[in-house]
């Protein structure tokens, strides 16, 4: 007669193998799922980037950029997903290397440009918290005028500042506007 220990050992090996087969199937399914999710996310990301590139190429976005920066005329998104601005001579610059004031103007242009595209002919609203604080003093008056021109075209703009110079510019230019401008203080 055979040794009963061998049968028990073979049975235990069969059970262990079945467990390992199940674990292998679960790990394989998880890996395949992760690969598929990664592929779908990568495809969606590229679709999103392509949509961003199309919108950045829209002339109205470039006009807002030129309107606020006075220097740059267009945007692009590199294959490495780096936002760049272009000047009128065709030179491109990564936004990351621009001064803080120039970056603020670029980002303001993007916000207004994308909002304008989404809204069409309708007016929008902006909440700005010292958006010109890092801009050159010589540019501040022009930036305030440009923001207030949005107000005159029907936009609502709330500009919060602790900068007396910017506050004074809003008061000066706003008072010349007539209606549509109001100042509220905390005191």
Protein backbone atom coordinates (compact mmCIF):
# COMPACT_ATOMS: atom_id res chain seq x y z
CA UNK A 1 0.00 0.00 0.00
CA UNK A 2 1.00 3.59 -0.67
CA UNK A 3 2.09 5.99 1.96
CA UNK A 4 -0.88 8.20 2.98
CA UNK A 5 1.54 11.09 3.62
CA UNK A 6 2.21 11.39 -0.13
CA UNK A 7 -1.46 11.70 -0.99
CA UNK A 8 -1.91 14.42 1.62
CA UNK A 9 1.18 16.19 0.29
CA UNK A 10 -0.07 15.98 -3.33
CA UNK A 11 -3.49 17.25 -2.23
CA UNK A 12 -1.85 20.19 -0.41
CA UNK A 13 0.27 20.93 -3.51
CA UNK A 14 -2.87 20.89 -5.71
CA UNK A 15 -4.65 23.28 -3.32
CA UNK A 16 -1.62 25.59 -3.19
CA UNK A 17 -1.36 25.52 -6.99
CA UNK A 18 -5.07 26.42 -7.32
CA UNK A 19 -4.54 29.32 -4.90
CA UNK A 20 -1.50 30.49 -6.89
CA UNK A 21 -3.47 30.19 -10.14
CA UNK A 22 -6.20 32.41 -8.67
CA UNK A 23 -3.62 34.90 -7.37
CA UNK A 24 -1.89 34.92 -10.78
CA UNK A 25 -5.22 35.55 -12.52
CA UNK A 26 -6.06 38.39 -10.11
CA UNK A 27 -2.63 40.02 -10.49
CA UNK A 28 -2.78 39.64 -14.27
CA UNK A 29 -6.28 41.16 -14.40
CA UNK A 30 -5.13 44.06 -12.21
CA UNK A 31 -2.10 44.70 -14.45
CA UNK A 32 -4.22 44.57 -17.61
CA UNK A 33 -6.77 46.92 -16.01
CA UNK A 34 -4.03 49.37 -15.02
CA UNK A 35 -2.57 49.28 -18.52
CA UNK A 36 -6.00 49.95 -20.03
CA UNK A 37 -6.76 52.77 -17.58
CA UNK A 38 -3.36 54.31 -18.30
CA UNK A 39 -4.03 54.09 -22.04
CA UNK A 40 -7.48 55.71 -21.71
CA UNK A 41 -6.14 58.48 -19.46
CA UNK A 42 -3.27 59.14 -21.90
CA UNK A 43 -5.74 59.34 -24.81
CA UNK A 44 -8.02 61.70 -22.87
CA UNK A 45 -5.04 63.81 -21.88
CA UNK A 46 -3.94 64.13 -25.50
CA UNK A 47 -7.50 64.99 -26.57
CA UNK A 48 -7.63 67.64 -23.83
CA UNK A 49 -4.22 69.03 -24.87
CA UNK A 50 -5.36 69.18 -28.48
CA UNK A 51 -8.46 71.13 -27.40
CA UNK A 52 -6.28 73.50 -25.40
CA UNK A 53 -3.93 73.94 -28.37
CA UNK A 54 -6.90 74.77 -30.65
CA UNK A 55 -8.24 77.34 -28.21
CA UNK A 56 -4.80 78.86 -27.64
CA UNK A 57 -4.46 79.28 -31.41
CA UNK A 58 -7.73 81.25 -31.52
CA UNK A 59 -6.99 84.84 -32.56
CA UNK A 60 -9.14 86.28 -29.77
CA UNK A 61 -6.91 84.65 -27.12
CA UNK A 62 -3.87 86.26 -28.75
CA UNK A 63 -5.65 89.60 -28.85
CA UNK A 64 -6.28 89.45 -25.11
CA UNK A 65 -2.64 88.57 -24.56
CA UNK A 66 -1.49 91.50 -26.67
CA UNK A 67 -4.07 93.73 -24.99
CA UNK A 68 -2.74 93.01 -21.49
CA UNK A 69 0.95 92.33 -22.08
CA UNK A 70 1.60 94.88 -24.82
CA UNK A 71 4.37 92.59 -26.01
CA UNK A 72 3.18 89.06 -26.67
CA UNK A 73 0.73 88.15 -29.44
CA UNK A 74 0.07 84.44 -29.13
CA UNK A 75 0.23 81.25 -27.12
CA UNK A 76 1.34 77.70 -27.73
CA UNK A 77 1.49 74.48 -25.77
CA UNK A 78 4.59 72.37 -26.41
CA UNK A 79 4.60 68.59 -26.73
CA UNK A 80 6.02 68.59 -23.20
CA UNK A 81 2.88 70.50 -22.09
CA UNK A 82 4.79 73.71 -21.42
CA UNK A 83 2.87 76.94 -22.03
CA UNK A 84 4.73 79.44 -24.19
CA UNK A 85 4.06 82.96 -25.40
CA UNK A 86 5.10 84.35 -28.75
CA UNK A 87 6.13 87.90 -29.61
CA UNK A 88 5.42 89.71 -32.87
CA UNK A 89 8.81 88.60 -34.27
CA UNK A 90 7.89 84.94 -33.93
CA UNK A 91 10.09 84.31 -30.88
CA UNK A 92 8.65 81.91 -28.28
CA UNK A 93 9.29 82.06 -24.55
CA UNK A 94 8.24 79.63 -21.84
CA UNK A 95 5.85 81.36 -19.45
CA UNK A 96 7.89 79.88 -16.60
CA UNK A 97 10.82 82.26 -17.34
CA UNK A 98 8.75 85.46 -17.49
CA UNK A 99 8.71 87.98 -14.67
CA UNK A 100 5.98 87.67 -12.06
CA UNK A 101 4.19 90.71 -13.48
CA UNK A 102 4.31 89.33 -17.03
CA UNK A 103 3.02 85.96 -15.80
CA UNK A 104 0.09 87.70 -14.10
CA UNK A 105 -0.75 89.45 -17.38
CA UNK A 106 -0.47 86.15 -19.29
CA UNK A 107 -2.75 84.32 -16.86
CA UNK A 108 -5.25 87.17 -16.83
CA UNK A 109 -5.29 87.04 -20.64
CA UNK A 110 -5.95 83.31 -20.53
CA UNK A 111 -8.79 83.65 -18.02
CA UNK A 112 -10.51 86.41 -19.97
CA UNK A 113 -9.79 84.79 -23.33
CA UNK A 114 -11.14 81.36 -22.38
CA UNK A 115 -14.13 82.93 -20.63
CA UNK A 116 -14.86 85.05 -23.72
CA UNK A 117 -14.71 81.99 -25.96
CA UNK A 118 -17.09 80.12 -23.68
CA UNK A 119 -19.49 83.05 -23.24
CA UNK A 120 -19.59 84.21 -26.85
CA UNK A 121 -21.23 87.64 -26.99
CA UNK A 122 -22.33 87.57 -23.36
CA UNK A 123 -20.48 89.47 -20.65
CA UNK A 124 -18.74 87.66 -17.83
CA UNK A 125 -17.36 88.47 -14.43
CA UNK A 126 -13.95 88.46 -12.83
CA UNK A 127 -12.73 88.27 -9.27
CA UNK A 128 -9.21 89.67 -9.10
CA UNK A 129 -7.06 89.83 -5.98
CA UNK A 130 -4.19 92.28 -6.54
CA UNK A 131 -3.74 90.96 -10.06
CA UNK A 132 -1.47 93.90 -10.99
CA UNK A 133 0.55 94.04 -7.81
CA UNK A 134 3.69 92.68 -9.48
CA UNK A 135 3.29 94.63 -12.72
CA UNK A 136 5.63 97.49 -13.52
CA UNK A 137 4.34 100.80 -12.20
CA UNK A 138 4.44 102.16 -15.74
CA UNK A 139 2.05 99.37 -16.91
CA UNK A 140 -0.42 99.56 -14.06
CA UNK A 141 -2.46 102.47 -15.41
CA UNK A 142 -2.91 100.74 -18.75
CA UNK A 143 -3.93 97.49 -17.05
CA UNK A 144 -6.49 99.27 -14.87
CA UNK A 145 -7.88 101.04 -17.95
CA UNK A 146 -8.15 97.74 -19.79
CA UNK A 147 -9.98 96.08 -16.92
CA UNK A 148 -12.36 99.01 -16.64
CA UNK A 149 -13.00 98.81 -20.39
CA UNK A 150 -14.35 95.32 -19.68
CA UNK A 151 -16.71 96.90 -17.14
CA UNK A 152 -17.87 99.38 -19.79
CA UNK A 153 -18.61 96.47 -22.12
CA UNK A 154 -20.87 94.87 -19.50
CA UNK A 155 -18.51 92.66 -17.50
CA UNK A 156 -18.62 92.70 -13.72
CA UNK A 157 -15.18 92.99 -12.18
CA UNK A 158 -14.37 92.79 -8.50
CA UNK A 159 -10.81 93.91 -7.84
CA UNK A 160 -9.47 93.48 -4.31
CA UNK A 161 -6.33 95.38 -3.41
CA UNK A 162 -4.25 96.54 -0.50
CA UNK A 163 -1.99 98.52 -2.84
CA UNK A 164 -2.68 102.25 -2.52
CA UNK A 165 -1.21 103.00 -5.96
CA UNK A 166 -3.51 100.54 -7.73
CA UNK A 167 -6.46 101.72 -5.64
CA UNK A 168 -5.71 105.31 -6.67
CA UNK A 169 -5.56 104.31 -10.34
CA UNK A 170 -8.95 102.62 -10.10
CA UNK A 171 -10.39 105.68 -8.37
CA UNK A 172 -8.94 108.07 -10.97
CA UNK A 173 -9.91 106.10 -14.07
CA UNK A 174 -13.18 104.88 -12.57
CA UNK A 175 -14.31 108.41 -11.76
CA UNK A 176 -13.78 109.34 -15.43
CA UNK A 177 -16.06 106.48 -16.48
CA UNK A 178 -19.21 107.84 -14.96
CA UNK A 179 -21.62 104.97 -14.17
CA UNK A 180 -20.57 101.40 -13.79
CA UNK A 181 -17.78 102.00 -11.28
CA UNK A 182 -18.17 101.67 -7.55
CA UNK A 183 -15.64 101.49 -4.76
CA UNK A 184 -16.19 99.73 -1.47
CA UNK A 185 -13.83 99.95 1.46
CA UNK A 186 -13.67 97.95 4.61
CA UNK A 187 -13.89 100.97 6.89
